Amino acid sequence: MAEGTSSGGGNSGLAFIVGGLVVIVAVLAFFMMSGGFTQKKKVDVNISASAPKLPDAPKAPGG
C-alpha cells in the first residue's frame, strides 16, 4: 500500500545542495571576470584641515 507514494525528501535536499553550489560558482565567476581578485588599488587620502580661530566671547555684563 505504501509502495506507490513518494515524498521526494531526498530530491529536495539534493536540489538545495546543487543550488548552493551554483550560487557559489556564480559568485566566484563574477569576481574572476571582473578582476576582483587581481585588482590592487592604492588609495592615499591625506586630509588636513585647520579650524578657524573664533573671536573671543564678550564679557558678561556687571562683572
N, C-alpha and C. Protein backbone atom coordinates (compact mmCIF):
# COMPACT_ATOMS: atom_id res chain seq x y z
N MET A 1 0.81 -1.19 0.00
CA MET A 1 0.00 0.00 0.00
C MET A 1 0.86 1.26 0.00
N ALA A 2 2.00 1.20 0.60
CA ALA A 2 2.85 2.39 0.68
C ALA A 2 3.87 2.43 -0.45
N GLU A 3 3.84 1.42 -1.35
CA GLU A 3 4.85 1.39 -2.40
C GLU A 3 4.64 2.48 -3.45
N GLY A 4 3.44 2.93 -3.66
CA GLY A 4 3.15 3.89 -4.72
C GLY A 4 3.38 5.35 -4.34
N THR A 5 3.62 5.62 -3.08
CA THR A 5 3.78 7.02 -2.67
C THR A 5 5.25 7.35 -2.48
N SER A 6 5.60 8.55 -2.85
CA SER A 6 6.97 9.01 -2.61
C SER A 6 6.91 10.46 -2.16
N SER A 7 7.69 10.76 -1.15
CA SER A 7 7.65 12.13 -0.60
C SER A 7 8.61 13.05 -1.31
N GLY A 8 9.66 12.52 -1.92
CA GLY A 8 10.63 13.37 -2.62
C GLY A 8 11.56 14.09 -1.68
N GLY A 9 11.71 13.63 -0.47
CA GLY A 9 12.56 14.30 0.51
C GLY A 9 14.03 14.29 0.13
N GLY A 10 14.48 13.20 -0.45
CA GLY A 10 15.88 13.10 -0.87
C GLY A 10 16.19 14.02 -2.03
N ASN A 11 15.25 14.19 -2.92
CA ASN A 11 15.47 15.05 -4.09
C ASN A 11 15.51 16.52 -3.71
N SER A 12 14.73 16.94 -2.74
CA SER A 12 14.74 18.35 -2.37
C SER A 12 16.05 18.70 -1.65
N GLY A 13 16.59 17.77 -0.88
CA GLY A 13 17.89 18.01 -0.25
C GLY A 13 18.99 18.13 -1.28
N LEU A 14 18.95 17.25 -2.27
CA LEU A 14 19.94 17.30 -3.34
C LEU A 14 19.81 18.59 -4.14
N ALA A 15 18.60 19.03 -4.38
CA ALA A 15 18.37 20.28 -5.11
C ALA A 15 18.91 21.47 -4.32
N PHE A 16 18.75 21.45 -3.01
CA PHE A 16 19.28 22.52 -2.16
C PHE A 16 20.80 22.58 -2.25
N ILE A 17 21.47 21.44 -2.20
CA ILE A 17 22.93 21.39 -2.29
C ILE A 17 23.41 21.86 -3.66
N VAL A 18 22.76 21.39 -4.71
CA VAL A 18 23.15 21.79 -6.07
C VAL A 18 22.91 23.29 -6.27
N GLY A 19 21.81 23.81 -5.74
CA GLY A 19 21.55 25.25 -5.85
C GLY A 19 22.59 26.07 -5.13
N GLY A 20 23.02 25.62 -3.96
CA GLY A 20 24.08 26.32 -3.24
C GLY A 20 25.39 26.32 -4.01
N LEU A 21 25.71 25.18 -4.61
CA LEU A 21 26.94 25.12 -5.42
C LEU A 21 26.86 26.04 -6.64
N VAL A 22 25.71 26.14 -7.25
CA VAL A 22 25.53 27.03 -8.40
C VAL A 22 25.73 28.48 -7.97
N VAL A 23 25.23 28.86 -6.82
CA VAL A 23 25.40 30.23 -6.33
C VAL A 23 26.88 30.51 -6.05
N ILE A 24 27.57 29.57 -5.43
CA ILE A 24 28.99 29.76 -5.13
C ILE A 24 29.80 29.90 -6.42
N VAL A 25 29.51 29.08 -7.40
CA VAL A 25 30.23 29.16 -8.68
C VAL A 25 29.93 30.48 -9.37
N ALA A 26 28.69 30.95 -9.29
CA ALA A 26 28.34 32.23 -9.92
C ALA A 26 29.07 33.39 -9.25
N VAL A 27 29.18 33.37 -7.93
CA VAL A 27 29.89 34.45 -7.23
C VAL A 27 31.38 34.42 -7.57
N LEU A 28 31.97 33.24 -7.59
CA LEU A 28 33.38 33.13 -7.95
C LEU A 28 33.62 33.59 -9.39
N ALA A 29 32.74 33.22 -10.30
CA ALA A 29 32.88 33.64 -11.69
C ALA A 29 32.77 35.16 -11.81
N PHE A 30 31.88 35.76 -11.05
CA PHE A 30 31.73 37.21 -11.09
C PHE A 30 33.03 37.89 -10.66
N PHE A 31 33.62 37.43 -9.57
CA PHE A 31 34.86 38.04 -9.10
C PHE A 31 36.00 37.81 -10.07
N MET A 32 36.05 36.64 -10.68
CA MET A 32 37.15 36.35 -11.60
C MET A 32 37.01 37.14 -12.89
N MET A 33 35.80 37.30 -13.39
CA MET A 33 35.59 38.03 -14.63
C MET A 33 35.76 39.54 -14.44
N SER A 34 35.42 40.05 -13.27
CA SER A 34 35.54 41.48 -13.04
C SER A 34 36.91 41.86 -12.51
N GLY A 35 37.78 40.89 -12.30
CA GLY A 35 39.11 41.18 -11.79
C GLY A 35 39.12 41.49 -10.31
N GLY A 36 38.16 40.99 -9.59
CA GLY A 36 38.04 41.28 -8.16
C GLY A 36 39.18 40.73 -7.33
N PHE A 37 39.83 39.66 -7.79
CA PHE A 37 40.93 39.08 -7.02
C PHE A 37 42.28 39.70 -7.40
N THR A 38 42.39 40.29 -8.57
CA THR A 38 43.70 40.76 -9.02
C THR A 38 43.87 42.27 -8.92
N GLN A 39 42.80 43.02 -8.79
CA GLN A 39 42.94 44.46 -8.74
C GLN A 39 43.47 44.88 -7.39
N LYS A 40 44.54 45.67 -7.43
CA LYS A 40 45.08 46.21 -6.20
C LYS A 40 45.08 47.71 -6.33
N LYS A 41 44.21 48.34 -5.60
CA LYS A 41 44.09 49.79 -5.66
C LYS A 41 44.82 50.38 -4.47
N LYS A 42 45.66 51.36 -4.75
CA LYS A 42 46.33 52.06 -3.67
C LYS A 42 45.69 53.43 -3.57
N VAL A 43 45.08 53.67 -2.46
CA VAL A 43 44.39 54.92 -2.23
C VAL A 43 45.13 55.67 -1.13
N ASP A 44 45.56 56.87 -1.45
CA ASP A 44 46.27 57.70 -0.48
C ASP A 44 45.38 58.91 -0.19
N VAL A 45 44.82 58.93 0.99
CA VAL A 45 43.94 60.02 1.38
C VAL A 45 44.66 60.82 2.45
N ASN A 46 44.91 62.09 2.15
CA ASN A 46 45.58 62.97 3.10
C ASN A 46 44.68 64.17 3.31
N ILE A 47 44.06 64.23 4.46
CA ILE A 47 43.14 65.33 4.76
C ILE A 47 43.74 66.13 5.90
N SER A 48 43.96 67.40 5.64
CA SER A 48 44.43 68.27 6.71
C SER A 48 43.55 69.51 6.69
N ALA A 49 42.89 69.72 7.78
CA ALA A 49 42.01 70.88 7.89
C ALA A 49 42.30 71.57 9.20
N SER A 50 42.45 72.87 9.14
CA SER A 50 42.69 73.63 10.37
C SER A 50 41.40 74.36 10.73
N ALA A 51 41.10 74.36 12.00
CA ALA A 51 39.88 75.02 12.46
C ALA A 51 40.13 76.53 12.49
N PRO A 52 39.14 77.30 12.08
CA PRO A 52 39.33 78.76 12.10
C PRO A 52 39.39 79.29 13.55
N LYS A 53 40.10 80.37 13.74
CA LYS A 53 40.20 80.99 15.06
C LYS A 53 38.93 81.78 15.29
N LEU A 54 38.23 81.42 16.34
CA LEU A 54 36.98 82.11 16.66
C LEU A 54 37.30 83.35 17.50
N PRO A 55 36.50 84.40 17.36
CA PRO A 55 36.73 85.60 18.19
C PRO A 55 36.40 85.32 19.64
N ASP A 56 37.03 86.09 20.53
CA ASP A 56 36.77 85.93 21.95
C ASP A 56 35.33 86.29 22.27
N ALA A 57 34.75 85.59 23.20
CA ALA A 57 33.38 85.86 23.61
C ALA A 57 33.32 87.18 24.39
N PRO A 58 32.25 87.93 24.26
CA PRO A 58 32.16 89.18 25.01
C PRO A 58 32.05 88.92 26.52
N LYS A 59 32.53 89.85 27.30
CA LYS A 59 32.49 89.70 28.76
C LYS A 59 31.06 89.89 29.26
N ALA A 60 30.73 89.17 30.31
CA ALA A 60 29.39 89.24 30.87
C ALA A 60 29.16 90.61 31.52
N PRO A 61 27.97 91.18 31.37
CA PRO A 61 27.73 92.49 31.98
C PRO A 61 27.69 92.40 33.51
N GLY A 62 28.22 93.42 34.16
CA GLY A 62 28.18 93.52 35.62
C GLY A 62 29.27 92.74 36.29
N GLY A 63 30.18 92.24 35.58
CA GLY A 63 31.07 91.56 36.39
C GLY A 63 32.36 91.15 36.02
